[in-house]
Amino acid sequence: MTGQVLNPTLRGYVHDMAAPYGLAVHDTLIDEGKGHSYGEMCRPLLAELVHEDDPADLLVLATAIPDVRYGRSTATYLSWHCPGAPLAFTVCDQGLLAVFTALHLIAAYQSRRAVLLAAEQPTVYHEVPVPTPMPSQAAAVGMVLTQEGPHRLTPIRRHTKLTPRQARETLAQEISGLGEPLVLAGAGLAELTENHPVDGNIVVCQEKQPLTGIWLELTHRLQDLRNPLLLAEYDPTQGHLFTTTLS
């Protein structure tokens, strides 16, 4: 889903915000209204996932690329349009691991019915200060997590400050400890597993959708889930490997 943004006052705002950091501003993108707002992308998902007769009590939005709709709290906006008007917040500045961090926080809240939304879009109105994997197109995925669902997620396992080699070895150990799981590996593990194969049934998810690819793939496999499913992502910038098991 998409939501085009066109704001004639935005150019000055972005220049003011970027100037202290010496970042170039992409005026043409702003003037043409390029980009997609996460609020408009995720609202249709809420209409499908949450209904008035079974409202949500927590909503978490996970992103890695900034929203193009400045000046609006997107999570709060989505809460207004979500049955139950749930407590809502955004997880950002976590790179490829944003959704895993969101799952970790949702578990801590122990909510009855939580909505997790992951969204990414490829338009940034200013120069990106650090190397950042960019999606090829706008995409959003939503999940509802309950205490009594048919599947169970283990607590997020967080392996920090790992070199690529250590991350690969840690992933191999987790796979061997589960027998023969299906492994959904995120974009950050694509190069590691391609250059140095790890034993196991590993599906490397869409590199062109670095944040949402693994979760989009998960939604396609839930109805036919037979073996334990290991979800894993590695962010080389942070050196963190996060994993969880779904059964």
Protein backbone atom coordinates (compact mmCIF):
# COMPACT_ATOMS: atom_id res chain seq x y z
CA MET A 1 0.00 0.00 0.00
CA THR A 2 1.23 3.55 -0.65
CA GLY A 3 0.61 7.04 0.58
CA GLN A 4 2.11 9.91 -1.40
CA VAL A 5 3.28 12.95 0.52
CA LEU A 6 3.38 16.45 -0.99
CA ASN A 7 4.15 19.35 1.37
CA PRO A 8 5.31 22.74 0.04
CA THR A 9 6.86 23.70 3.40
CA LEU A 10 8.89 20.52 3.71
CA ARG A 11 11.98 21.65 1.79
CA GLY A 12 12.86 24.38 4.30
CA TYR A 13 12.22 22.08 7.23
CA VAL A 14 14.51 19.32 5.91
CA HIS A 15 17.27 21.84 5.11
CA ASP A 16 17.08 23.22 8.66
CA MET A 17 17.25 19.74 10.18
CA ALA A 18 20.08 18.50 7.93
CA ALA A 19 22.31 21.60 8.04
CA PRO A 20 23.90 21.00 11.49
CA TYR A 21 25.08 17.57 10.29
CA GLY A 22 26.37 18.72 6.89
CA LEU A 23 23.98 16.43 5.03
CA ALA A 24 22.90 17.16 1.47
CA VAL A 25 19.15 17.49 0.86
CA HIS A 26 17.41 15.92 -2.14
CA ASP A 27 15.20 18.84 -3.15
CA THR A 28 13.80 17.15 -6.25
CA LEU A 29 12.38 14.26 -4.22
CA ILE A 30 10.70 16.71 -1.87
CA ASP A 31 9.28 18.92 -4.65
CA GLU A 32 7.89 15.90 -6.50
CA GLY A 33 6.31 14.47 -3.37
CA LYS A 34 8.18 11.19 -3.66
CA GLY A 35 7.92 8.62 -0.92
CA HIS A 36 5.29 6.73 1.00
CA SER A 37 4.00 7.46 4.47
CA TYR A 38 4.01 4.56 6.89
CA GLY A 39 0.71 5.70 8.31
CA GLU A 40 -1.12 5.33 5.00
CA MET A 41 0.76 2.12 4.21
CA CYS A 42 -0.23 0.43 7.46
CA ARG A 43 -3.84 1.57 7.90
CA PRO A 44 -5.19 -1.04 5.44
CA LEU A 45 -3.31 -3.72 7.37
CA LEU A 46 -5.05 -2.70 10.57
CA ALA A 47 -8.43 -2.98 8.85
CA GLU A 48 -7.62 -6.61 8.00
CA LEU A 49 -5.94 -7.60 11.28
CA VAL A 50 -7.97 -5.98 14.06
CA HIS A 51 -11.75 -5.77 14.45
CA GLU A 52 -14.03 -4.01 16.91
CA ASP A 53 -15.16 -7.27 18.51
CA ASP A 54 -11.55 -8.24 19.32
CA PRO A 55 -9.55 -5.04 19.83
CA ALA A 56 -5.83 -4.67 20.44
CA ASP A 57 -4.18 -3.37 23.60
CA LEU A 58 -0.69 -2.76 22.16
CA LEU A 59 0.58 -1.56 18.78
CA VAL A 60 4.26 -1.44 17.81
CA LEU A 61 5.59 -0.07 14.53
CA ALA A 62 9.10 -1.17 13.50
CA THR A 63 11.03 0.79 10.87
CA ALA A 64 14.61 1.14 9.66
CA ILE A 65 14.15 3.98 7.12
CA PRO A 66 12.64 7.30 8.27
CA ASP A 67 9.03 8.09 7.44
CA VAL A 68 8.54 10.80 4.81
CA ARG A 69 5.64 12.25 6.79
CA TYR A 70 7.46 14.52 9.24
CA GLY A 71 5.74 16.12 12.20
CA ARG A 72 3.39 13.24 12.88
CA SER A 73 3.73 10.45 15.41
CA THR A 74 2.91 7.58 13.08
CA ALA A 75 2.37 5.02 15.84
CA THR A 76 -0.10 7.35 17.59
CA TYR A 77 -1.86 8.02 14.29
CA LEU A 78 -2.23 4.27 13.71
CA SER A 79 -3.54 3.78 17.25
CA TRP A 80 -6.35 6.24 16.47
CA HIS A 81 -7.37 4.01 13.57
CA CYS A 82 -6.99 0.72 15.46
CA PRO A 83 -9.89 -0.82 17.39
CA GLY A 84 -9.11 -0.54 21.08
CA ALA A 85 -6.98 2.63 20.68
CA PRO A 86 -4.01 0.63 21.99
CA LEU A 87 -0.86 1.91 23.62
CA ALA A 88 1.44 2.54 20.67
CA PHE A 89 5.09 3.31 20.01
CA THR A 90 7.73 2.96 17.30
CA VAL A 91 10.98 1.01 17.29
CA CYS A 92 13.59 2.69 15.08
CA ASP A 93 17.37 3.20 14.99
CA GLN A 94 17.79 -0.56 15.30
CA GLY A 95 18.71 -1.21 11.67
CA LEU A 96 17.83 -4.66 10.35
CA LEU A 97 17.01 -5.85 13.88
CA ALA A 98 14.09 -3.48 14.49
CA VAL A 99 11.38 -6.15 14.25
CA PHE A 100 13.24 -8.51 16.59
CA THR A 101 13.59 -5.67 19.11
CA ALA A 102 9.88 -4.97 18.74
CA LEU A 103 9.08 -8.62 19.48
CA HIS A 104 11.32 -8.48 22.55
CA LEU A 105 9.46 -5.43 23.86
CA ILE A 106 6.04 -6.88 23.08
CA ALA A 107 6.90 -9.98 25.14
CA ALA A 108 7.84 -7.76 28.09
CA TYR A 109 4.44 -6.03 27.99
CA GLN A 110 2.59 -9.38 28.15
CA SER A 111 -0.36 -7.86 26.32
CA ARG A 112 -3.48 -9.84 25.52
CA ARG A 113 -3.50 -8.87 21.85
CA ALA A 114 -0.62 -6.97 20.27
CA VAL A 115 -0.26 -5.72 16.71
CA LEU A 116 3.22 -5.62 15.20
CA LEU A 117 3.67 -3.59 12.02
CA ALA A 118 6.93 -3.54 10.02
CA ALA A 119 7.29 -1.03 7.21
CA GLU A 120 9.97 0.26 4.87
CA GLN A 121 10.13 2.56 1.85
CA PRO A 122 13.08 3.61 -0.33
CA THR A 123 12.83 7.42 -0.25
CA VAL A 124 14.99 9.54 2.05
CA TYR A 125 14.94 13.31 1.62
CA HIS A 126 18.53 13.81 2.74
CA GLU A 127 21.91 12.15 2.42
CA VAL A 128 22.18 9.04 4.58
CA PRO A 129 25.09 9.53 7.01
CA VAL A 130 25.96 5.83 7.40
CA PRO A 131 25.70 2.85 5.00
CA THR A 132 22.10 1.71 5.10
CA PRO A 133 20.45 -1.17 3.20
CA MET A 134 17.67 0.40 1.15
CA PRO A 135 14.53 -1.44 0.02
CA SER A 136 13.67 -1.65 -3.65
CA GLN A 137 10.05 -0.67 -3.02
CA ALA A 138 7.64 0.28 -0.27
CA ALA A 139 6.36 -2.69 1.71
CA ALA A 140 4.57 -3.31 5.00
CA VAL A 141 3.63 -6.44 6.89
CA GLY A 142 1.46 -6.86 9.96
CA MET A 143 1.13 -9.58 12.58
CA VAL A 144 -1.16 -10.12 15.54
CA LEU A 145 0.39 -11.73 18.61
CA THR A 146 -1.80 -13.26 21.32
CA GLN A 147 -1.30 -15.39 24.41
CA GLU A 148 -3.43 -18.22 23.01
CA GLY A 149 -2.37 -18.40 19.37
CA PRO A 150 -1.67 -21.70 17.58
CA HIS A 151 2.09 -21.02 17.40
CA ARG A 152 4.65 -20.10 20.02
CA LEU A 153 7.65 -17.78 19.72
CA THR A 154 10.57 -18.27 22.05
CA PRO A 155 12.10 -15.20 23.73
CA ILE A 156 14.44 -13.30 21.44
CA ARG A 157 18.02 -14.56 21.73
CA ARG A 158 20.40 -11.63 21.43
CA HIS A 159 24.02 -12.35 20.54
CA THR A 160 25.95 -9.09 20.60
CA LYS A 161 29.31 -7.81 19.33
CA LEU A 162 29.90 -10.69 16.93
CA THR A 163 32.18 -10.68 13.93
CA PRO A 164 30.66 -12.11 10.74
CA ARG A 165 32.51 -15.38 11.39
CA GLN A 166 31.24 -15.55 14.97
CA ALA A 167 27.71 -14.81 13.79
CA ARG A 168 27.88 -17.64 11.27
CA GLU A 169 29.21 -20.06 13.92
CA THR A 170 26.53 -19.02 16.40
CA LEU A 171 23.81 -19.53 13.81
CA ALA A 172 25.19 -23.00 13.01
CA GLN A 173 25.09 -23.91 16.71
CA GLU A 174 21.47 -22.82 17.02
CA ILE A 175 20.48 -24.82 13.94
CA SER A 176 22.18 -27.99 15.22
CA GLY A 177 20.47 -27.59 18.59
CA LEU A 178 17.03 -27.65 16.96
CA GLY A 179 17.51 -30.76 14.84
CA GLU A 180 16.28 -29.97 11.35
CA PRO A 181 14.51 -26.62 11.50
CA LEU A 182 13.54 -24.48 8.57
CA VAL A 183 15.64 -21.33 8.83
CA LEU A 184 14.42 -17.97 7.56
CA ALA A 185 17.55 -15.83 7.38
CA GLY A 186 17.30 -12.08 6.92
CA ALA A 187 19.12 -9.87 4.46
CA GLY A 188 22.04 -9.33 6.82
CA LEU A 189 22.86 -13.05 6.66
CA ALA A 190 22.69 -13.35 2.88
CA GLU A 191 26.37 -12.79 2.18
CA LEU A 192 27.51 -14.84 5.20
CA THR A 193 25.53 -17.92 4.26
CA GLU A 194 26.29 -17.62 0.54
CA ASN A 195 30.08 -17.34 0.84
CA HIS A 196 30.35 -19.80 3.74
CA PRO A 197 27.38 -22.20 3.64
CA VAL A 198 25.83 -23.27 6.93
CA ASP A 199 24.31 -26.74 7.20
CA GLY A 200 20.53 -26.79 7.30
CA ASN A 201 17.42 -25.91 5.35
CA ILE A 202 18.07 -22.17 5.03
CA VAL A 203 15.91 -19.74 3.09
CA VAL A 204 17.56 -16.35 2.64
CA CYS A 205 14.75 -13.82 2.48
CA GLN A 206 14.37 -10.97 0.04
CA GLU A 207 17.52 -8.86 0.09
CA LYS A 208 15.61 -6.22 -1.86
CA GLN A 209 13.35 -5.79 1.18
CA PRO A 210 15.93 -5.80 3.97
CA LEU A 211 13.56 -5.12 6.87
CA THR A 212 10.29 -6.73 5.80
CA GLY A 213 11.54 -9.63 3.65
CA ILE A 214 11.91 -12.17 6.44
CA TRP A 215 8.49 -11.35 7.89
CA LEU A 216 6.74 -11.41 4.54
CA GLU A 217 8.24 -14.86 3.97
CA LEU A 218 7.02 -15.95 7.40
CA THR A 219 3.43 -15.03 6.58
CA HIS A 220 3.60 -17.28 3.50
CA ARG A 221 4.74 -20.28 5.53
CA LEU A 222 2.61 -20.12 8.69
CA GLN A 223 -0.29 -22.19 7.37
CA ASP A 224 1.99 -25.10 6.43
CA LEU A 225 4.32 -25.00 9.44
CA ARG A 226 5.45 -28.50 10.39
CA ASN A 227 9.01 -28.25 11.69
CA PRO A 228 10.38 -25.71 14.16
CA LEU A 229 11.12 -22.53 12.29
CA LEU A 230 14.20 -20.48 13.19
CA LEU A 231 14.12 -16.77 12.37
CA ALA A 232 17.52 -15.08 12.31
CA GLU A 233 18.97 -11.71 11.38
CA TYR A 234 22.45 -10.22 11.66
CA ASP A 235 23.23 -6.53 11.47
CA PRO A 236 26.90 -6.19 10.50
CA THR A 237 27.00 -2.50 11.45
CA GLN A 238 26.10 -3.31 15.04
CA GLY A 239 27.58 -6.80 15.09
CA HIS A 240 24.41 -8.24 16.60
CA LEU A 241 22.72 -11.55 15.76
CA PHE A 242 19.11 -11.90 16.93
CA THR A 243 17.15 -15.15 16.67
CA THR A 244 13.87 -16.68 17.76
CA THR A 245 12.13 -20.00 17.20
CA LEU A 246 8.53 -20.47 16.12
CA SER A 247 6.81 -23.79 16.70
